Amino acid sequence: MLVENDVPNTRLAMQGTITSLQSEFKREIAQARDEYDRLQSVVEDNKAKIAKALTLASKLKKVMDDTVKRVEDAYWIKIREKEADLIQTIIAELGAGIIGLSDNE
């Protein structure tokens, strides 16, 4: 008789344990889903930040390329101005030399 009375109690205890384990499992699944959603949100935010950084890097490269071109253009303009000044000086000195030669004749 003792065994027959223990069977329903054991069955109830097992059902309680199973129910408890199911509840715990559902809680763990819910926490895992929440963590997944949170991480997915972080991933999406990071993708957006990376896209923005790439756009800014592209704009920065264009600005730097434009700046380098302007500096190079300004450099060559200065060189051409100096060349023109030098040519004018040479022409003036040659002209003075020619005048000086004709004065000596």
Protein backbone atom coordinates (compact mmCIF):
# COMPACT_ATOMS: atom_id res chain seq x y z
CA MET A 1 0.00 0.00 0.00
CA LEU A 2 2.77 2.32 0.75
CA VAL A 3 4.06 1.98 -2.80
CA GLU A 4 0.66 2.69 -4.31
CA ASN A 5 0.37 5.90 -2.31
CA ASP A 6 3.84 7.00 -3.36
CA VAL A 7 3.15 6.68 -7.11
CA PRO A 8 0.75 9.63 -7.34
CA ASN A 9 3.06 11.71 -5.15
CA THR A 10 6.03 10.80 -7.31
CA ARG A 11 4.05 11.59 -10.44
CA LEU A 12 3.05 14.98 -9.00
CA ALA A 13 6.61 15.70 -7.98
CA MET A 14 7.85 14.81 -11.47
CA GLN A 15 5.18 16.98 -13.11
CA GLY A 16 6.15 19.84 -10.82
CA THR A 17 9.79 19.37 -11.73
CA ILE A 18 8.95 19.21 -15.45
CA THR A 19 6.79 22.34 -15.19
CA SER A 20 9.55 24.12 -13.30
CA LEU A 21 12.13 23.10 -15.91
CA GLN A 22 9.82 24.20 -18.73
CA SER A 23 9.35 27.59 -17.08
CA GLU A 24 13.08 27.97 -16.59
CA PHE A 25 13.70 26.95 -20.20
CA LYS A 26 11.13 29.50 -21.44
CA ARG A 27 12.80 32.20 -19.31
CA GLU A 28 16.21 31.30 -20.74
CA ILE A 29 14.81 31.37 -24.29
CA ALA A 30 13.22 34.79 -23.65
CA GLN A 31 16.50 36.13 -22.25
CA ALA A 32 18.39 34.74 -25.24
CA ARG A 33 15.91 36.40 -27.62
CA ASP A 34 16.26 39.71 -25.77
CA GLU A 35 20.05 39.47 -25.92
CA TYR A 36 19.90 38.57 -29.62
CA ASP A 37 17.64 41.56 -30.33
CA ARG A 38 19.95 43.84 -28.35
CA LEU A 39 23.02 42.57 -30.21
CA GLN A 40 21.21 42.84 -33.55
CA SER A 41 20.43 46.46 -32.72
CA VAL A 42 24.11 47.07 -31.88
CA VAL A 43 25.13 45.46 -35.18
CA GLU A 44 22.72 47.68 -37.12
CA ASP A 45 23.95 50.78 -35.28
CA ASN A 46 27.55 49.82 -36.04
CA LYS A 47 26.73 49.25 -39.71
CA ALA A 48 25.22 52.74 -39.87
CA LYS A 49 28.27 54.22 -38.14
CA ILE A 50 30.63 52.41 -40.51
CA ALA A 51 28.66 53.63 -43.54
CA LYS A 52 28.80 57.20 -42.20
CA ALA A 53 32.54 56.89 -41.52
CA LEU A 54 33.14 55.61 -45.05
CA THR A 55 31.15 58.51 -46.48
CA LEU A 56 33.12 61.00 -44.39
CA ALA A 57 36.41 59.34 -45.37
CA SER A 58 35.44 59.62 -49.03
CA LYS A 59 34.59 63.30 -48.61
CA LEU A 60 37.85 63.89 -46.74
CA LYS A 61 39.83 62.20 -49.52
CA LYS A 62 38.15 64.44 -52.10
CA VAL A 63 38.94 67.55 -50.05
CA MET A 64 42.55 66.41 -49.61
CA ASP A 65 42.89 65.67 -53.34
CA ASP A 66 41.45 69.10 -54.19
CA THR A 67 43.81 70.76 -51.70
CA VAL A 68 46.84 68.96 -53.12
CA LYS A 69 45.81 70.01 -56.64
CA ARG A 70 45.43 73.64 -55.56
CA VAL A 71 48.82 73.59 -53.83
CA GLU A 72 50.44 72.02 -56.90
CA ASP A 73 48.77 74.58 -59.17
CA ALA A 74 49.92 77.44 -56.93
CA TYR A 75 53.45 75.98 -56.88
CA TRP A 76 53.63 75.81 -60.67
CA ILE A 77 52.18 79.32 -61.00
CA LYS A 78 54.93 80.63 -58.68
CA ILE A 79 57.57 78.77 -60.70
CA ARG A 80 56.23 80.24 -63.95
CA GLU A 81 56.20 83.73 -62.40
CA LYS A 82 59.82 83.30 -61.31
CA GLU A 83 60.75 81.99 -64.75
CA ALA A 84 59.08 85.02 -66.35
CA ASP A 85 60.92 87.36 -63.96
CA LEU A 86 64.21 85.63 -64.74
CA ILE A 87 63.60 85.85 -68.49
CA GLN A 88 62.77 89.56 -68.16
CA THR A 89 65.94 90.09 -66.13
CA ILE A 90 68.04 88.24 -68.72
CA ILE A 91 66.46 90.21 -71.56
CA ALA A 92 67.05 93.47 -69.69
CA GLU A 93 70.68 92.56 -69.01
CA LEU A 94 71.20 91.45 -72.59
CA GLY A 95 69.59 94.67 -73.78
CA ALA A 96 71.85 96.69 -71.47
CA GLY A 97 74.83 94.73 -72.72
CA ILE A 98 73.93 95.40 -76.32
CA ILE A 99 73.45 99.09 -75.60
CA GLY A 100 76.74 99.10 -73.73
CA LEU A 101 78.48 97.51 -76.70
CA SER A 102 77.06 100.05 -79.09
CA ASP A 103 78.18 102.87 -76.80
CA ASN A 104 81.74 101.57 -76.90
CA GLU A 105 81.88 101.66 -80.69
